[in-house]
Amino acid sequence: PSVPAYRQELTCGLNEMGIFLASDNRAAEAEKVWGRVLPLQEQLAADFPKNPVYREELAKYHGNLGVVYAHADRLNQAEQSYRRAVELLEELEKADPDSAVYWQDLVAPYTNLVSLLTAVGTSADETERCWRRLAALKEKLADAYPNVPSLQGDLAVTQGGLAQWMRDRRKPADARDFLQKAIGRDQAALKLEPQNAAFRQSLCSHYLALAQTFLDLNDHGAAADAVAHLVKAAPASWSDQHLAAACLARAASEAATDEKLTEAKREELAATYGGEAMELLRQAAAHGFKDVDFLARTKEFTALRSRDDFKALTAELAKK
């Protein structure tokens, strides 16, 4: 008991056992193991408060137990475990704010906490705070290691997720800002790994979401620009032309009623956006798209339904 290294080896070994049991769907046994581990590690951290490693490991063990609770749908206990992990690590990061180790350690419990809070619909303010903190931690890591593509790509995914959360809560300006940041990180990741399909798919998804967000902000011009960037960035295997077309069709509707424009400009932009939307729909059809019901029920296509080429395309697709 007087040798802290031995005590740490014991808790580490028990933690590994808990991880194995949990992965083997033996949650009850895993919970018992961590029920033994946590008091041992708490005491070790208390006996040697100047050694941050013991508190760092304690945080990890709380996070691991939280995952077991979450899988068992014991969400209140899971939240408590995640919060305890975050609390311990935030204290360590505060004492050593330049340590990338603590930034990385904090990512897992914050990721789990954000997922849990989002799922159960906890206070929007608290969920947003956790989302923002998670994004800030990943941004620190990505900035500290700019030549690691996975860090750039992972940050982009988180920023995109936060943007979607903002859109769902009708905060389109915030969503726009995070999507623009996400696109920048997608591009940074692709610059490092140009052939990475996941990075390119993420970029395309974020451009599409950005176009939709600009439409929420009544900025049809910016939405059309976002679609243009999307089309340029998309790989040959891209199959979401119909969704991009829906954005342009909605832009056509918004342009047609934009009182800030002259009548001639409204007609010009509506025709331009509508023509570009039709071109994307033809490309979608060439890639195998044949969901006529989607074209019929999606309100964004209202501006196109009177066009002869739209009628001809839907009739052609209906035959397939």
C-alpha atoms as a PDB file:
ATOM      1  CA  PRO A   1       0.000   0.000   0.000  1.00  0.00           C
ATOM      2  CA  SER A   2       2.920   2.363   0.569  1.00  0.00           C
ATOM      3  CA  VAL A   3       4.165   2.043  -3.025  1.00  0.00           C
ATOM      4  CA  PRO A   4       1.972   4.191  -5.302  1.00  0.00           C
ATOM      5  CA  ALA A   5       3.277   2.593  -8.495  1.00  0.00           C
ATOM      6  CA  TYR A   6       1.976  -0.820  -7.382  1.00  0.00           C
ATOM      7  CA  ARG A   7      -1.384   0.663  -6.464  1.00  0.00           C
ATOM      8  CA  GLN A   8      -1.591   2.299  -9.877  1.00  0.00           C
ATOM      9  CA  GLU A   9      -0.710  -0.959 -11.604  1.00  0.00           C
ATOM     10  CA  LEU A  10      -3.528  -2.660  -9.705  1.00  0.00           C
ATOM     11  CA  THR A  11      -6.145  -0.107 -10.746  1.00  0.00           C
ATOM     12  CA  CYS A  12      -4.887  -0.104 -14.328  1.00  0.00           C
ATOM     13  CA  GLY A  13      -5.197  -3.884 -14.447  1.00  0.00           C
ATOM     14  CA  LEU A  14      -8.708  -3.786 -13.015  1.00  0.00           C
ATOM     15  CA  ASN A  15      -9.680  -1.069 -15.486  1.00  0.00           C
ATOM     16  CA  GLU A  16      -8.509  -3.252 -18.369  1.00  0.00           C
ATOM     17  CA  MET A  17     -10.587  -6.086 -16.959  1.00  0.00           C
ATOM     18  CA  GLY A  18     -13.612  -3.800 -16.823  1.00  0.00           C
ATOM     19  CA  ILE A  19     -13.076  -2.783 -20.436  1.00  0.00           C
ATOM     20  CA  PHE A  20     -12.861  -6.431 -21.489  1.00  0.00           C
ATOM     21  CA  LEU A  21     -16.004  -7.400 -19.570  1.00  0.00           C
ATOM     22  CA  ALA A  22     -17.940  -4.483 -21.022  1.00  0.00           C
ATOM     23  CA  SER A  23     -16.834  -5.367 -24.564  1.00  0.00           C
ATOM     24  CA  ASP A  24     -17.967  -8.952 -23.884  1.00  0.00           C
ATOM     25  CA  ASN A  25     -21.474  -7.728 -22.964  1.00  0.00           C
ATOM     26  CA  ARG A  26     -20.928  -8.512 -19.296  1.00  0.00           C
ATOM     27  CA  ALA A  27     -21.935  -5.087 -18.067  1.00  0.00           C
ATOM     28  CA  ALA A  28     -22.923  -6.117 -14.548  1.00  0.00           C
ATOM     29  CA  GLU A  29     -19.513  -7.689 -13.956  1.00  0.00           C
ATOM     30  CA  ALA A  30     -17.776  -4.672 -15.477  1.00  0.00           C
ATOM     31  CA  GLU A  31     -19.705  -2.357 -13.202  1.00  0.00           C
ATOM     32  CA  LYS A  32     -18.594  -4.333 -10.151  1.00  0.00           C
ATOM     33  CA  VAL A  33     -14.973  -4.105 -11.262  1.00  0.00           C
ATOM     34  CA  TRP A  34     -15.146  -0.331 -11.657  1.00  0.00           C
ATOM     35  CA  GLY A  35     -16.983  -0.169  -8.349  1.00  0.00           C
ATOM     36  CA  ARG A  36     -13.782  -1.561  -6.870  1.00  0.00           C
ATOM     37  CA  VAL A  37     -11.428   0.486  -9.025  1.00  0.00           C
ATOM     38  CA  LEU A  38     -12.858   3.930  -8.331  1.00  0.00           C
ATOM     39  CA  PRO A  39     -12.422   3.989  -4.518  1.00  0.00           C
ATOM     40  CA  LEU A  40      -8.866   2.680  -4.901  1.00  0.00           C
ATOM     41  CA  GLN A  41      -8.004   5.368  -7.447  1.00  0.00           C
ATOM     42  CA  GLU A  42      -9.786   8.091  -5.466  1.00  0.00           C
ATOM     43  CA  GLN A  43      -7.642   7.233  -2.450  1.00  0.00           C
ATOM     44  CA  LEU A  44      -4.479   7.105  -4.522  1.00  0.00           C
ATOM     45  CA  ALA A  45      -5.214  10.549  -5.949  1.00  0.00           C
ATOM     46  CA  ALA A  46      -5.950  11.878  -2.465  1.00  0.00           C
ATOM     47  CA  ASP A  47      -2.758  10.401  -0.995  1.00  0.00           C
ATOM     48  CA  PHE A  48      -0.603  11.911  -3.738  1.00  0.00           C
ATOM     49  CA  PRO A  49      -2.347  15.144  -4.803  1.00  0.00           C
ATOM     50  CA  LYS A  50       0.760  16.506  -6.496  1.00  0.00           C
ATOM     51  CA  ASN A  51       0.835  13.682  -9.031  1.00  0.00           C
ATOM     52  CA  PRO A  52      -1.659  14.601 -11.788  1.00  0.00           C
ATOM     53  CA  VAL A  53      -1.451  11.165 -13.407  1.00  0.00           C
ATOM     54  CA  TYR A  54      -3.556   9.633 -10.650  1.00  0.00           C
ATOM     55  CA  ARG A  55      -6.367  12.150 -11.179  1.00  0.00           C
ATOM     56  CA  GLU A  56      -6.073  11.755 -14.939  1.00  0.00           C
ATOM     57  CA  GLU A  57      -6.522   7.987 -14.617  1.00  0.00           C
ATOM     58  CA  LEU A  58      -9.390   8.488 -12.177  1.00  0.00           C
ATOM     59  CA  ALA A  59     -11.160  10.621 -14.780  1.00  0.00           C
ATOM     60  CA  LYS A  60     -10.723   7.902 -17.402  1.00  0.00           C
ATOM     61  CA  TYR A  61     -12.219   5.294 -15.079  1.00  0.00           C
ATOM     62  CA  HIS A  62     -15.257   7.484 -14.420  1.00  0.00           C
ATOM     63  CA  GLY A  63     -15.673   7.929 -18.161  1.00  0.00           C
ATOM     64  CA  ASN A  64     -15.467   4.178 -18.752  1.00  0.00           C
ATOM     65  CA  LEU A  65     -18.115   3.495 -16.127  1.00  0.00           C
ATOM     66  CA  GLY A  66     -20.299   6.161 -17.705  1.00  0.00           C
ATOM     67  CA  VAL A  67     -20.227   4.275 -20.997  1.00  0.00           C
ATOM     68  CA  VAL A  68     -21.431   1.115 -19.227  1.00  0.00           C
ATOM     69  CA  TYR A  69     -24.253   3.054 -17.593  1.00  0.00           C
ATOM     70  CA  ALA A  70     -25.244   4.618 -20.936  1.00  0.00           C
ATOM     71  CA  HIS A  71     -25.381   1.245 -22.687  1.00  0.00           C
ATOM     72  CA  ALA A  72     -27.653   0.011 -19.882  1.00  0.00           C
ATOM     73  CA  ASP A  73     -29.888   3.075 -20.417  1.00  0.00           C
ATOM     74  CA  ARG A  74     -29.065   4.366 -16.948  1.00  0.00           C
ATOM     75  CA  LEU A  75     -28.644   7.852 -18.286  1.00  0.00           C
ATOM     76  CA  ASN A  76     -28.664   9.805 -15.025  1.00  0.00           C
ATOM     77  CA  GLN A  77     -25.774   7.739 -13.696  1.00  0.00           C
ATOM     78  CA  ALA A  78     -23.997   7.976 -17.029  1.00  0.00           C
ATOM     79  CA  GLU A  79     -24.276  11.746 -16.962  1.00  0.00           C
ATOM     80  CA  GLN A  80     -22.893  11.882 -13.420  1.00  0.00           C
ATOM     81  CA  SER A  81     -19.914   9.755 -14.446  1.00  0.00           C
ATOM     82  CA  TYR A  82     -19.177  11.842 -17.527  1.00  0.00           C
ATOM     83  CA  ARG A  83     -19.453  15.058 -15.529  1.00  0.00           C
ATOM     84  CA  ARG A  84     -17.084  13.749 -12.869  1.00  0.00           C
ATOM     85  CA  ALA A  85     -14.576  12.830 -15.582  1.00  0.00           C
ATOM     86  CA  VAL A  86     -14.907  16.290 -17.109  1.00  0.00           C
ATOM     87  CA  GLU A  87     -14.559  17.983 -13.723  1.00  0.00           C
ATOM     88  CA  LEU A  88     -11.319  16.180 -12.900  1.00  0.00           C
ATOM     89  CA  LEU A  89      -9.793  16.815 -16.304  1.00  0.00           C
ATOM     90  CA  GLU A  90     -10.868  20.451 -16.439  1.00  0.00           C
ATOM     91  CA  GLU A  91      -9.037  20.989 -13.139  1.00  0.00           C
ATOM     92  CA  LEU A  92      -5.904  19.446 -14.599  1.00  0.00           C
ATOM     93  CA  GLU A  93      -6.197  21.451 -17.814  1.00  0.00           C
ATOM     94  CA  LYS A  94      -6.660  24.643 -15.805  1.00  0.00           C
ATOM     95  CA  ALA A  95      -3.437  23.947 -13.934  1.00  0.00           C
ATOM     96  CA  ASP A  96      -1.588  23.133 -17.174  1.00  0.00           C
ATOM     97  CA  PRO A  97      -3.514  24.898 -19.964  1.00  0.00           C
ATOM     98  CA  ASP A  98      -0.910  24.222 -22.636  1.00  0.00           C
ATOM     99  CA  SER A  99      -0.983  20.446 -22.236  1.00  0.00           C
ATOM    100  CA  ALA A 100      -2.400  18.829 -25.363  1.00  0.00           C
ATOM    101  CA  VAL A 101      -2.692  15.590 -23.375  1.00  0.00           C
ATOM    102  CA  TYR A 102      -5.509  17.040 -21.298  1.00  0.00           C
ATOM    103  CA  TRP A 103      -7.241  18.471 -24.361  1.00  0.00           C
ATOM    104  CA  GLN A 104      -7.251  14.976 -25.864  1.00  0.00           C
ATOM    105  CA  ASP A 105      -8.367  13.385 -22.586  1.00  0.00           C
ATOM    106  CA  LEU A 106     -11.296  15.790 -22.362  1.00  0.00           C
ATOM    107  CA  VAL A 107     -12.578  14.957 -25.841  1.00  0.00           C
ATOM    108  CA  ALA A 108     -14.006  11.534 -24.927  1.00  0.00           C
ATOM    109  CA  PRO A 109     -16.120  12.523 -21.885  1.00  0.00           C
ATOM    110  CA  TYR A 110     -17.330  15.686 -23.588  1.00  0.00           C
ATOM    111  CA  THR A 111     -18.251  13.708 -26.714  1.00  0.00           C
ATOM    112  CA  ASN A 112     -20.229  11.231 -24.614  1.00  0.00           C
ATOM    113  CA  LEU A 113     -21.809  14.003 -22.565  1.00  0.00           C
ATOM    114  CA  VAL A 114     -22.888  15.930 -25.665  1.00  0.00           C
ATOM    115  CA  SER A 115     -24.431  12.799 -27.176  1.00  0.00           C
ATOM    116  CA  LEU A 116     -26.310  12.067 -23.974  1.00  0.00           C
ATOM    117  CA  LEU A 117     -27.561  15.621 -23.399  1.00  0.00           C
ATOM    118  CA  THR A 118     -28.639  15.950 -27.029  1.00  0.00           C
ATOM    119  CA  ALA A 119     -30.518  12.646 -26.889  1.00  0.00           C
ATOM    120  CA  VAL A 120     -32.411  13.347 -23.670  1.00  0.00           C
ATOM    121  CA  GLY A 121     -33.176  16.985 -24.483  1.00  0.00           C
ATOM    122  CA  THR A 122     -31.490  18.519 -21.462  1.00  0.00           C
ATOM    123  CA  SER A 123     -31.274  22.307 -21.072  1.00  0.00           C
ATOM    124  CA  ALA A 124     -30.387  23.788 -24.439  1.00  0.00           C
ATOM    125  CA  ASP A 125     -27.987  26.260 -22.842  1.00  0.00           C
ATOM    126  CA  GLU A 126     -26.051  23.511 -21.071  1.00  0.00           C
ATOM    127  CA  THR A 127     -25.975  21.316 -24.165  1.00  0.00           C
ATOM    128  CA  GLU A 128     -24.709  24.216 -26.259  1.00  0.00           C
ATOM    129  CA  ARG A 129     -22.022  24.981 -23.675  1.00  0.00           C
ATOM    130  CA  CYS A 130     -20.767  21.395 -23.853  1.00  0.00           C
ATOM    131  CA  TRP A 131     -20.927  21.365 -27.662  1.00  0.00           C
ATOM    132  CA  ARG A 132     -18.882  24.556 -27.834  1.00  0.00           C
ATOM    133  CA  ARG A 133     -16.332  23.294 -25.346  1.00  0.00           C
ATOM    134  CA  LEU A 134     -15.904  20.073 -27.316  1.00  0.00           C
ATOM    135  CA  ALA A 135     -15.381  22.022 -30.537  1.00  0.00           C
ATOM    136  CA  ALA A 136     -12.911  24.345 -28.803  1.00  0.00           C
ATOM    137  CA  LEU A 137     -10.864  21.409 -27.490  1.00  0.00           C
ATOM    138  CA  LYS A 138     -10.677  19.809 -30.921  1.00  0.00           C
ATOM    139  CA  GLU A 139      -9.740  23.161 -32.415  1.00  0.00           C
ATOM    140  CA  LYS A 140      -6.833  23.438 -29.978  1.00  0.00           C
ATOM    141  CA  LEU A 141      -5.634  19.987 -31.002  1.00  0.00           C
ATOM    142  CA  ALA A 142      -6.005  20.715 -34.711  1.00  0.00           C
ATOM    143  CA  ASP A 143      -4.131  24.004 -34.351  1.00  0.00           C
ATOM    144  CA  ALA A 144      -1.378  22.388 -32.295  1.00  0.00           C
ATOM    145  CA  TYR A 145      -0.881  19.632 -34.876  1.00  0.00           C
ATOM    146  CA  PRO A 146      -1.831  21.189 -38.233  1.00  0.00           C
ATOM    147  CA  ASN A 147      -0.176  18.428 -40.264  1.00  0.00           C
ATOM    148  CA  VAL A 148      -2.291  15.627 -38.780  1.00  0.00           C
ATOM    149  CA  PRO A 149      -5.189  15.201 -41.226  1.00  0.00           C
ATOM    150  CA  SER A 150      -7.368  13.175 -38.862  1.00  0.00           C
ATOM    151  CA  LEU A 151      -7.434  16.053 -36.362  1.00  0.00           C
ATOM    152  CA  GLN A 152      -8.540  18.501 -39.061  1.00  0.00           C
ATOM    153  CA  GLY A 153     -11.199  16.111 -40.317  1.00  0.00           C
ATOM    154  CA  ASP A 154     -12.452  15.257 -36.837  1.00  0.00           C
ATOM    155  CA  LEU A 155     -12.794  18.927 -35.964  1.00  0.00           C
ATOM    156  CA  ALA A 156     -14.772  19.511 -39.169  1.00  0.00           C
ATOM    157  CA  VAL A 157     -17.212  16.737 -38.240  1.00  0.00           C
ATOM    158  CA  THR A 158     -17.719  18.219 -34.779  1.00  0.00           C
ATOM    159  CA  GLN A 159     -18.214  21.739 -36.115  1.00  0.00           C
ATOM    160  CA  GLY A 160     -20.709  20.365 -38.626  1.00  0.00           C
ATOM    161  CA  GLY A 161     -22.564  18.534 -35.862  1.00  0.00           C
ATOM    162  CA  LEU A 162     -22.700  21.687 -33.773  1.00  0.00           C
ATOM    163  CA  ALA A 163     -23.977  23.592 -36.802  1.00  0.00           C
ATOM    164  CA  GLN A 164     -26.789  21.075 -37.268  1.00  0.00           C
ATOM    165  CA  TRP A 165     -27.665  21.402 -33.580  1.00  0.00           C
ATOM    166  CA  MET A 166     -27.853  25.177 -34.092  1.00  0.00           C
ATOM    167  CA  ARG A 167     -30.048  24.771 -37.174  1.00  0.00           C
ATOM    168  CA  ASP A 168     -32.415  22.497 -35.274  1.00  0.00           C
ATOM    169  CA  ARG A 169     -32.787  25.261 -32.685  1.00  0.00           C
ATOM    170  CA  ARG A 170     -33.355  27.917 -35.315  1.00  0.00           C
ATOM    171  CA  LYS A 171     -30.028  29.653 -34.899  1.00  0.00           C
ATOM    172  CA  PRO A 172     -29.042  29.822 -38.566  1.00  0.00           C
ATOM    173  CA  ALA A 173     -26.415  32.560 -38.161  1.00  0.00           C
ATOM    174  CA  ASP A 174     -24.493  30.459 -35.643  1.00  0.00           C
ATOM    175  CA  ALA A 175     -24.957  27.403 -37.855  1.00  0.00           C
ATOM    176  CA  ARG A 176     -23.543  29.304 -40.842  1.00  0.00           C
ATOM    177  CA  ASP A 177     -20.462  30.341 -38.885  1.00  0.00           C
ATOM    178  CA  PHE A 178     -19.684  26.809 -37.735  1.00  0.00           C
ATOM    179  CA  LEU A 179     -20.288  25.361 -41.190  1.00  0.00           C
ATOM    180  CA  GLN A 180     -17.868  27.830 -42.724  1.00  0.00           C
ATOM    181  CA  LYS A 181     -15.287  26.811 -40.131  1.00  0.00           C
ATOM    182  CA  ALA A 182     -15.995  23.140 -40.827  1.00  0.00           C
ATOM    183  CA  ILE A 183     -15.463  23.640 -44.549  1.00  0.00           C
ATOM    184  CA  GLY A 184     -12.109  25.265 -43.853  1.00  0.00           C
ATOM    185  CA  ARG A 185     -11.042  22.258 -41.812  1.00  0.00           C
ATOM    186  CA  ASP A 186     -12.347  19.836 -44.447  1.00  0.00           C
ATOM    187  CA  GLN A 187     -10.211  21.626 -46.994  1.00  0.00           C
ATOM    188  CA  ALA A 188      -7.184  21.500 -44.692  1.00  0.00           C
ATOM    189  CA  ALA A 189      -7.652  17.752 -44.232  1.00  0.00           C
ATOM    190  CA  LEU A 190      -8.011  17.218 -47.979  1.00  0.00           C
ATOM    191  CA  LYS A 191      -4.906  19.244 -48.680  1.00  0.00           C
ATOM    192  CA  LEU A 192      -3.006  16.772 -46.510  1.00  0.00           C
ATOM    193  CA  GLU A 193      -4.800  13.693 -47.887  1.00  0.00           C
ATOM    194  CA  PRO A 194      -6.367  14.554 -51.276  1.00  0.00           C
ATOM    195  CA  GLN A 195      -7.593  11.013 -51.932  1.00  0.00           C
ATOM    196  CA  ASN A 196      -9.386  10.560 -48.602  1.00  0.00           C
ATOM    197  CA  ALA A 197     -13.001   9.821 -49.537  1.00  0.00           C
ATOM    198  CA  ALA A 198     -14.337  10.464 -46.026  1.00  0.00           C
ATOM    199  CA  PHE A 199     -12.857  13.965 -45.961  1.00  0.00           C
ATOM    200  CA  ARG A 200     -14.357  14.772 -49.361  1.00  0.00           C
ATOM    201  CA  GLN A 201     -17.762  13.423 -48.346  1.00  0.00           C
ATOM    202  CA  SER A 202     -17.622  15.579 -45.226  1.00  0.00           C
ATOM    203  CA  LEU A 203     -16.793  18.642 -47.338  1.00  0.00           C
ATOM    204  CA  CYS A 204     -19.731  17.957 -49.652  1.00  0.00           C
ATOM    205  CA  SER A 205     -22.111  17.442 -46.725  1.00  0.00           C
ATOM    206  CA  HIS A 206     -21.031  20.713 -45.162  1.00  0.00           C
ATOM    207  CA  TYR A 207     -21.392  22.674 -48.399  1.00  0.00           C
ATOM    208  CA  LEU A 208     -24.913  21.272 -48.795  1.00  0.00           C
ATOM    209  CA  ALA A 209     -25.797  22.176 -45.204  1.00  0.00           C
ATOM    210  CA  LEU A 210     -24.313  25.638 -45.734  1.00  0.00           C
ATOM    211  CA  ALA A 211     -26.503  26.182 -48.798  1.00  0.00           C
ATOM    212  CA  GLN A 212     -29.578  25.132 -46.817  1.00  0.00           C
ATOM    213  CA  THR A 213     -28.557  27.432 -43.961  1.00  0.00           C
ATOM    214  CA  PHE A 214     -28.108  30.418 -46.266  1.00  0.00           C
ATOM    215  CA  LEU A 215     -31.637  29.777 -47.510  1.00  0.00           C
ATOM    216  CA  ASP A 216     -32.823  29.814 -43.894  1.00  0.00           C
ATOM    217  CA  LEU A 217     -31.169  33.236 -43.710  1.00  0.00           C
ATOM    218  CA  ASN A 218     -32.956  34.347 -46.911  1.00  0.00           C
ATOM    219  CA  ASP A 219     -29.664  34.707 -48.761  1.00  0.00           C
ATOM    220  CA  HIS A 220     -30.353  32.949 -52.059  1.00  0.00           C
ATOM    221  CA  GLY A 221     -27.199  34.299 -53.683  1.00  0.00           C
ATOM    222  CA  ALA A 222     -24.915  32.849 -51.025  1.00  0.00           C
ATOM    223  CA  ALA A 223     -26.869  29.584 -51.162  1.00  0.00           C
ATOM    224  CA  ALA A 224     -26.310  29.343 -54.921  1.00  0.00           C
ATOM    225  CA  ASP A 225     -22.602  30.041 -54.427  1.00  0.00           C
ATOM    226  CA  ALA A 226     -22.414  27.259 -51.837  1.00  0.00           C
ATOM    227  CA  VAL A 227     -24.026  24.842 -54.286  1.00  0.00           C
ATOM    228  CA  ALA A 228     -21.538  25.891 -56.965  1.00  0.00           C
ATOM    229  CA  HIS A 229     -18.652  25.128 -54.594  1.00  0.00           C
ATOM    230  CA  LEU A 230     -20.309  21.825 -53.725  1.00  0.00           C
ATOM    231  CA  VAL A 231     -20.594  20.774 -57.352  1.00  0.00           C
ATOM    232  CA  LYS A 232     -16.945  21.676 -57.926  1.00  0.00           C
ATOM    233  CA  ALA A 233     -15.781  19.712 -54.881  1.00  0.00           C
ATOM    234  CA  ALA A 234     -17.967  16.645 -55.412  1.00  0.00           C
ATOM    235  CA  PRO A 235     -16.349  13.392 -56.551  1.00  0.00           C
ATOM    236  CA  ALA A 236     -17.528  11.428 -59.566  1.00  0.00           C
ATOM    237  CA  SER A 237     -19.338   9.036 -57.231  1.00  0.00           C
ATOM    238  CA  TRP A 238     -21.386  11.834 -55.655  1.00  0.00           C
ATOM    239  CA  SER A 239     -25.069  10.893 -55.566  1.00  0.00           C
ATOM    240  CA  ASP A 240     -26.810  13.816 -53.843  1.00  0.00           C
ATOM    241  CA  GLN A 241     -27.410  15.994 -56.887  1.00  0.00           C
ATOM    242  CA  HIS A 242     -31.144  15.937 -56.156  1.00  0.00           C
ATOM    243  CA  LEU A 243     -30.574  17.551 -52.745  1.00  0.00           C
ATOM    244  CA  ALA A 244     -28.409  20.286 -54.243  1.00  0.00           C
ATOM    245  CA  ALA A 245     -31.084  20.782 -56.905  1.00  0.00           C
ATOM    246  CA  ALA A 246     -33.665  21.278 -54.154  1.00  0.00           C
ATOM    247  CA  CYS A 247     -31.519  24.091 -52.730  1.00  0.00           C
ATOM    248  CA  LEU A 248     -31.341  25.833 -56.097  1.00  0.00           C
ATOM    249  CA  ALA A 249     -35.049  25.374 -56.703  1.00  0.00           C
ATOM    250  CA  ARG A 250     -35.763  27.004 -53.345  1.00  0.00           C
ATOM    251  CA  ALA A 251     -33.297  29.769 -54.226  1.00  0.00           C
ATOM    252  CA  ALA A 252     -35.299  30.341 -57.400  1.00  0.00           C
ATOM    253  CA  SER A 253     -38.468  30.756 -55.339  1.00  0.00           C
ATOM    254  CA  GLU A 254     -36.762  33.188 -52.968  1.00  0.00           C
ATOM    255  CA  ALA A 255     -35.222  35.188 -55.817  1.00  0.00           C
ATOM    256  CA  ALA A 256     -38.592  35.487 -57.561  1.00  0.00           C
ATOM    257  CA  THR A 257     -40.057  37.248 -54.520  1.00  0.00           C
ATOM    258  CA  ASP A 258     -36.987  39.221 -53.420  1.00  0.00           C
ATOM    259  CA  GLU A 259     -38.210  42.801 -53.152  1.00  0.00           C
ATOM    260  CA  LYS A 260     -34.674  44.117 -52.860  1.00  0.00           C
ATOM    261  CA  LEU A 261     -34.198  43.291 -56.541  1.00  0.00           C
ATOM    262  CA  THR A 262     -35.671  44.811 -59.654  1.00  0.00           C
ATOM    263  CA  GLU A 263     -38.295  42.796 -61.462  1.00  0.00           C
ATOM    264  CA  ALA A 264     -35.866  42.075 -64.282  1.00  0.00           C
ATOM    265  CA  LYS A 265     -33.201  40.819 -61.864  1.00  0.00           C
ATOM    266  CA  ARG A 266     -35.722  38.661 -60.018  1.00  0.00           C
ATOM    267  CA  GLU A 267     -36.719  36.997 -63.268  1.00  0.00           C
ATOM    268  CA  GLU A 268     -33.103  36.584 -64.341  1.00  0.00           C
ATOM    269  CA  LEU A 269     -31.963  34.930 -61.105  1.00  0.00           C
ATOM    270  CA  ALA A 270     -35.051  32.731 -60.831  1.00  0.00           C
ATOM    271  CA  ALA A 271     -34.423  31.470 -64.351  1.00  0.00           C
ATOM    272  CA  THR A 272     -30.706  30.951 -63.701  1.00  0.00           C
ATOM    273  CA  TYR A 273     -31.214  29.055 -60.460  1.00  0.00           C
ATOM    274  CA  GLY A 274     -34.032  27.033 -61.989  1.00  0.00           C
ATOM    275  CA  GLY A 275     -31.901  26.058 -64.980  1.00  0.00           C
ATOM    276  CA  GLU A 276     -29.018  25.018 -62.730  1.00  0.00           C
ATOM    277  CA  ALA A 277     -31.416  22.984 -60.596  1.00  0.00           C
ATOM    278  CA  MET A 278     -32.684  21.170 -63.667  1.00  0.00           C
ATOM    279  CA  GLU A 279     -29.139  20.391 -64.773  1.00  0.00           C
ATOM    280  CA  LEU A 280     -28.447  18.803 -61.381  1.00  0.00           C
ATOM    281  CA  LEU A 281     -31.653  16.789 -61.603  1.00  0.00           C
ATOM    282  CA  ARG A 282     -30.631  15.486 -65.006  1.00  0.00           C
ATOM    283  CA  GLN A 283     -27.256  14.499 -63.557  1.00  0.00           C
ATOM    284  CA  ALA A 284     -29.043  12.790 -60.663  1.00  0.00           C
ATOM    285  CA  ALA A 285     -31.157  10.808 -63.107  1.00  0.00           C
ATOM    286  CA  ALA A 286     -28.044   9.804 -65.026  1.00  0.00           C
ATOM    287  CA  HIS A 287     -26.580   8.481 -61.761  1.00  0.00           C
ATOM    288  CA  GLY A 288     -29.655   6.348 -61.085  1.00  0.00           C
ATOM    289  CA  PHE A 289     -31.965   8.706 -59.194  1.00  0.00           C
ATOM    290  CA  LYS A 290     -35.614   7.833 -59.881  1.00  0.00           C
ATOM    291  CA  ASP A 291     -37.559   8.933 -56.797  1.00  0.00           C
ATOM    292  CA  VAL A 292     -40.483  10.702 -58.455  1.00  0.00           C
ATOM    293  CA  ASP A 293     -42.265  10.906 -55.109  1.00  0.00           C
ATOM    294  CA  PHE A 294     -39.377  12.978 -53.721  1.00  0.00           C
ATOM    295  CA  LEU A 295     -39.788  15.469 -56.545  1.00  0.00           C
ATOM    296  CA  ALA A 296     -43.545  15.548 -56.039  1.00  0.00           C
ATOM    297  CA  ARG A 297     -43.642  15.955 -52.262  1.00  0.00           C
ATOM    298  CA  THR A 298     -40.633  18.213 -51.684  1.00  0.00           C
ATOM    299  CA  LYS A 299     -41.897  21.789 -51.438  1.00  0.00           C
ATOM    300  CA  GLU A 300     -38.549  23.209 -52.588  1.00  0.00           C
ATOM    301  CA  PHE A 301     -39.385  22.125 -56.148  1.00  0.00           C
ATOM    302  CA  THR A 302     -42.495  24.328 -56.333  1.00  0.00           C
ATOM    303  CA  ALA A 303     -40.664  26.830 -58.532  1.00  0.00           C
ATOM    304  CA  LEU A 304     -39.863  24.128 -61.088  1.00  0.00           C
ATOM    305  CA  ARG A 305     -43.187  22.348 -61.397  1.00  0.00           C
ATOM    306  CA  SER A 306     -44.496  24.626 -64.128  1.00  0.00           C
ATOM    307  CA  ARG A 307     -41.426  24.082 -66.307  1.00  0.00           C
ATOM    308  CA  ASP A 308     -41.780  21.812 -69.310  1.00  0.00           C
ATOM    309  CA  ASP A 309     -38.363  20.243 -68.738  1.00  0.00           C
ATOM    310  CA  PHE A 310     -39.276  19.404 -65.141  1.00  0.00           C
ATOM    311  CA  LYS A 311     -42.539  17.786 -66.278  1.00  0.00           C
ATOM    312  CA  ALA A 312     -40.680  15.829 -68.946  1.00  0.00           C
ATOM    313  CA  LEU A 313     -38.057  14.626 -66.487  1.00  0.00           C
ATOM    314  CA  THR A 314     -40.612  13.445 -63.912  1.00  0.00           C
ATOM    315  CA  ALA A 315     -42.566  11.649 -66.634  1.00  0.00           C
ATOM    316  CA  GLU A 316     -39.401   9.937 -67.804  1.00  0.00           C
ATOM    317  CA  LEU A 317     -38.452   8.894 -64.280  1.00  0.00           C
ATOM    318  CA  ALA A 318     -41.951   7.561 -63.644  1.00  0.00           C
ATOM    319  CA  LYS A 319     -41.420   5.029 -66.431  1.00  0.00           C
ATOM    320  CA  LYS A 320     -38.331   3.517 -64.798  1.00  0.00           C
END
